[in-house]
């Protein structure tokens, strides 16, 4: 069972990895949201989760961004 989000260990993404990863839907850039442990695609309005330090880059696993996110 995973830990609650507020007590889960901090997740870091190697900046070099972030430079080469792109959104699988739009092929656009991604932003790292440290607090939510997600990679954000503003162009696709999707947030890809990071689980156990591994970005899950599957559109069906992403959550849709809400207004203002």
N, C-alpha and C. Protein backbone atom coordinates (compact mmCIF):
# COMPACT_ATOMS: atom_id res chain seq x y z
N UNK A 1 0.85 -1.18 0.00
CA UNK A 1 0.00 0.00 0.00
C UNK A 1 0.89 1.24 0.00
N UNK A 2 0.53 2.25 -0.77
CA UNK A 2 1.35 3.45 -0.85
C UNK A 2 1.07 4.38 0.32
N UNK A 3 2.02 5.26 0.58
CA UNK A 3 1.90 6.21 1.67
C UNK A 3 0.98 7.35 1.25
N UNK A 4 0.31 8.00 2.19
CA UNK A 4 -0.49 9.18 1.84
C UNK A 4 0.39 10.24 1.19
N UNK A 5 -0.18 11.04 0.32
CA UNK A 5 0.58 12.03 -0.45
C UNK A 5 1.36 12.99 0.44
N UNK A 6 0.81 13.35 1.61
CA UNK A 6 1.50 14.33 2.44
C UNK A 6 2.68 13.75 3.20
N UNK A 7 2.81 12.42 3.26
CA UNK A 7 3.95 11.82 3.95
C UNK A 7 4.84 11.02 3.02
N UNK A 8 4.50 10.96 1.75
CA UNK A 8 5.31 10.20 0.79
C UNK A 8 6.65 10.89 0.62
N UNK A 9 7.71 10.12 0.34
CA UNK A 9 9.03 10.73 0.16
C UNK A 9 9.04 11.68 -1.04
N UNK A 10 9.89 12.68 -0.96
CA UNK A 10 10.01 13.64 -2.05
C UNK A 10 10.47 12.95 -3.32
N UNK A 11 9.95 13.42 -4.43
CA UNK A 11 10.32 12.87 -5.74
C UNK A 11 11.13 13.94 -6.45
N UNK A 12 12.21 13.52 -7.05
CA UNK A 12 13.03 14.43 -7.85
C UNK A 12 13.12 13.88 -9.26
N UNK A 13 13.19 14.77 -10.23
CA UNK A 13 13.36 14.38 -11.63
C UNK A 13 14.65 15.00 -12.11
N UNK A 14 15.50 14.18 -12.69
CA UNK A 14 16.76 14.66 -13.24
C UNK A 14 16.46 15.70 -14.31
N UNK A 15 17.02 16.90 -14.21
CA UNK A 15 16.75 17.94 -15.21
C UNK A 15 17.09 17.49 -16.64
N UNK A 16 18.11 16.64 -16.79
CA UNK A 16 18.45 16.15 -18.13
C UNK A 16 17.34 15.26 -18.68
N UNK A 17 16.71 14.47 -17.80
CA UNK A 17 15.59 13.63 -18.22
C UNK A 17 14.41 14.50 -18.64
N UNK A 18 14.15 15.54 -17.89
CA UNK A 18 13.05 16.45 -18.21
C UNK A 18 13.26 17.14 -19.56
N UNK A 19 14.51 17.36 -19.93
CA UNK A 19 14.81 17.97 -21.22
C UNK A 19 14.45 17.06 -22.39
N UNK A 20 14.56 15.74 -22.20
CA UNK A 20 14.30 14.83 -23.32
C UNK A 20 12.90 14.22 -23.32
N UNK A 21 12.24 14.21 -22.15
CA UNK A 21 10.87 13.69 -22.11
C UNK A 21 9.91 14.68 -22.75
N UNK A 22 8.96 14.18 -23.50
CA UNK A 22 7.92 15.01 -24.09
C UNK A 22 6.57 14.34 -23.87
N UNK A 23 5.53 15.11 -23.98
CA UNK A 23 4.17 14.59 -23.87
C UNK A 23 3.93 13.60 -25.01
N UNK A 24 3.45 12.40 -24.71
CA UNK A 24 3.20 11.43 -25.77
C UNK A 24 2.02 11.80 -26.67
N UNK A 25 1.20 12.73 -26.23
CA UNK A 25 0.04 13.16 -27.03
C UNK A 25 0.42 14.28 -27.98
N UNK A 26 1.06 15.32 -27.44
CA UNK A 26 1.35 16.52 -28.24
C UNK A 26 2.81 16.62 -28.67
N UNK A 27 3.67 15.84 -28.06
CA UNK A 27 5.12 15.91 -28.26
C UNK A 27 5.70 17.24 -27.80
N UNK A 28 4.95 17.91 -26.93
CA UNK A 28 5.39 19.19 -26.38
C UNK A 28 6.14 18.99 -25.07
N UNK A 29 6.66 20.08 -24.51
CA UNK A 29 7.45 20.02 -23.28
C UNK A 29 6.60 19.68 -22.06
N UNK A 30 7.27 19.20 -21.02
CA UNK A 30 6.63 18.86 -19.76
C UNK A 30 7.23 19.70 -18.65
N UNK A 31 6.42 19.99 -17.64
CA UNK A 31 6.88 20.69 -16.45
C UNK A 31 6.76 19.73 -15.27
N UNK A 32 7.68 19.82 -14.34
CA UNK A 32 7.66 18.97 -13.15
C UNK A 32 6.96 19.69 -12.02
N UNK A 33 5.90 19.08 -11.49
CA UNK A 33 5.20 19.60 -10.32
C UNK A 33 5.65 18.75 -9.12
N UNK A 34 6.58 19.27 -8.35
CA UNK A 34 7.16 18.54 -7.23
C UNK A 34 6.11 18.22 -6.17
N UNK A 35 5.25 19.16 -5.87
CA UNK A 35 4.25 18.97 -4.81
C UNK A 35 3.27 17.84 -5.14
N UNK A 36 2.87 17.77 -6.40
CA UNK A 36 1.89 16.74 -6.80
C UNK A 36 2.54 15.50 -7.38
N UNK A 37 3.86 15.53 -7.53
CA UNK A 37 4.62 14.40 -8.08
C UNK A 37 4.07 14.01 -9.46
N UNK A 38 4.03 15.01 -10.34
CA UNK A 38 3.50 14.80 -11.69
C UNK A 38 4.33 15.56 -12.71
N UNK A 39 4.25 15.09 -13.95
CA UNK A 39 4.78 15.82 -15.09
C UNK A 39 3.58 16.41 -15.81
N UNK A 40 3.61 17.70 -16.03
CA UNK A 40 2.48 18.43 -16.58
C UNK A 40 2.70 18.76 -18.04
N UNK A 41 1.69 18.45 -18.86
CA UNK A 41 1.67 18.87 -20.26
C UNK A 41 0.58 19.93 -20.38
N UNK A 42 1.01 21.18 -20.44
CA UNK A 42 0.03 22.28 -20.57
C UNK A 42 -0.73 22.19 -21.89
N UNK A 43 -0.04 21.81 -22.96
CA UNK A 43 -0.69 21.77 -24.27
C UNK A 43 -1.77 20.68 -24.35
N UNK A 44 -1.56 19.55 -23.67
CA UNK A 44 -2.54 18.47 -23.68
C UNK A 44 -3.50 18.57 -22.49
N UNK A 45 -3.19 19.47 -21.55
CA UNK A 45 -3.97 19.61 -20.32
C UNK A 45 -4.04 18.30 -19.55
N UNK A 46 -2.86 17.63 -19.46
CA UNK A 46 -2.75 16.35 -18.77
C UNK A 46 -1.61 16.39 -17.76
N UNK A 47 -1.77 15.60 -16.70
CA UNK A 47 -0.73 15.45 -15.68
C UNK A 47 -0.39 13.97 -15.58
N UNK A 48 0.86 13.65 -15.87
CA UNK A 48 1.32 12.26 -15.84
C UNK A 48 1.92 11.97 -14.46
N UNK A 49 1.49 10.89 -13.81
CA UNK A 49 1.99 10.59 -12.46
C UNK A 49 3.42 10.07 -12.48
N UNK A 50 4.07 10.24 -11.35
CA UNK A 50 5.39 9.65 -11.13
C UNK A 50 5.21 8.66 -9.99
N UNK A 51 5.43 7.39 -10.26
CA UNK A 51 5.26 6.34 -9.26
C UNK A 51 6.59 5.66 -9.00
N UNK A 52 6.99 5.61 -7.75
CA UNK A 52 8.26 5.00 -7.36
C UNK A 52 9.42 5.56 -8.16
N UNK A 53 9.36 6.87 -8.45
CA UNK A 53 10.42 7.54 -9.18
C UNK A 53 10.38 7.36 -10.68
N UNK A 54 9.34 6.68 -11.20
CA UNK A 54 9.24 6.41 -12.64
C UNK A 54 8.07 7.19 -13.23
N UNK A 55 8.33 8.05 -14.23
CA UNK A 55 7.22 8.75 -14.89
C UNK A 55 6.37 7.75 -15.68
N UNK A 56 5.07 7.80 -15.47
CA UNK A 56 4.13 6.93 -16.19
C UNK A 56 3.58 7.75 -17.36
N UNK A 57 4.15 7.54 -18.52
CA UNK A 57 3.86 8.39 -19.68
C UNK A 57 2.78 7.78 -20.58
N UNK A 58 1.74 7.27 -19.98
CA UNK A 58 0.62 6.70 -20.73
C UNK A 58 -0.57 7.63 -20.61
N UNK A 59 -1.14 8.07 -21.74
CA UNK A 59 -2.28 8.99 -21.67
C UNK A 59 -3.44 8.46 -20.83
N UNK A 60 -3.65 7.15 -20.85
CA UNK A 60 -4.76 6.59 -20.07
C UNK A 60 -4.49 6.61 -18.56
N UNK A 61 -3.24 6.82 -18.15
CA UNK A 61 -2.88 6.93 -16.73
C UNK A 61 -2.85 8.38 -16.26
N UNK A 62 -2.88 9.33 -17.19
CA UNK A 62 -2.80 10.75 -16.85
C UNK A 62 -4.14 11.25 -16.36
N UNK A 63 -4.07 12.30 -15.55
CA UNK A 63 -5.32 12.94 -15.14
C UNK A 63 -5.45 14.25 -15.91
N UNK A 64 -6.69 14.62 -16.17
CA UNK A 64 -6.93 15.88 -16.86
C UNK A 64 -6.75 17.03 -15.90
N UNK A 65 -6.12 18.10 -16.38
CA UNK A 65 -5.94 19.29 -15.57
C UNK A 65 -7.25 20.04 -15.47
N UNK A 66 -7.52 20.55 -14.28
CA UNK A 66 -8.70 21.37 -14.06
C UNK A 66 -8.45 22.81 -14.47
N UNK A 67 -9.49 23.60 -14.44
CA UNK A 67 -9.37 25.02 -14.75
C UNK A 67 -8.39 25.67 -13.78
N UNK A 68 -7.49 26.46 -14.31
CA UNK A 68 -6.54 27.19 -13.49
C UNK A 68 -5.33 26.40 -13.03
N UNK A 69 -5.23 25.15 -13.41
CA UNK A 69 -4.05 24.35 -13.02
C UNK A 69 -2.94 24.56 -14.02
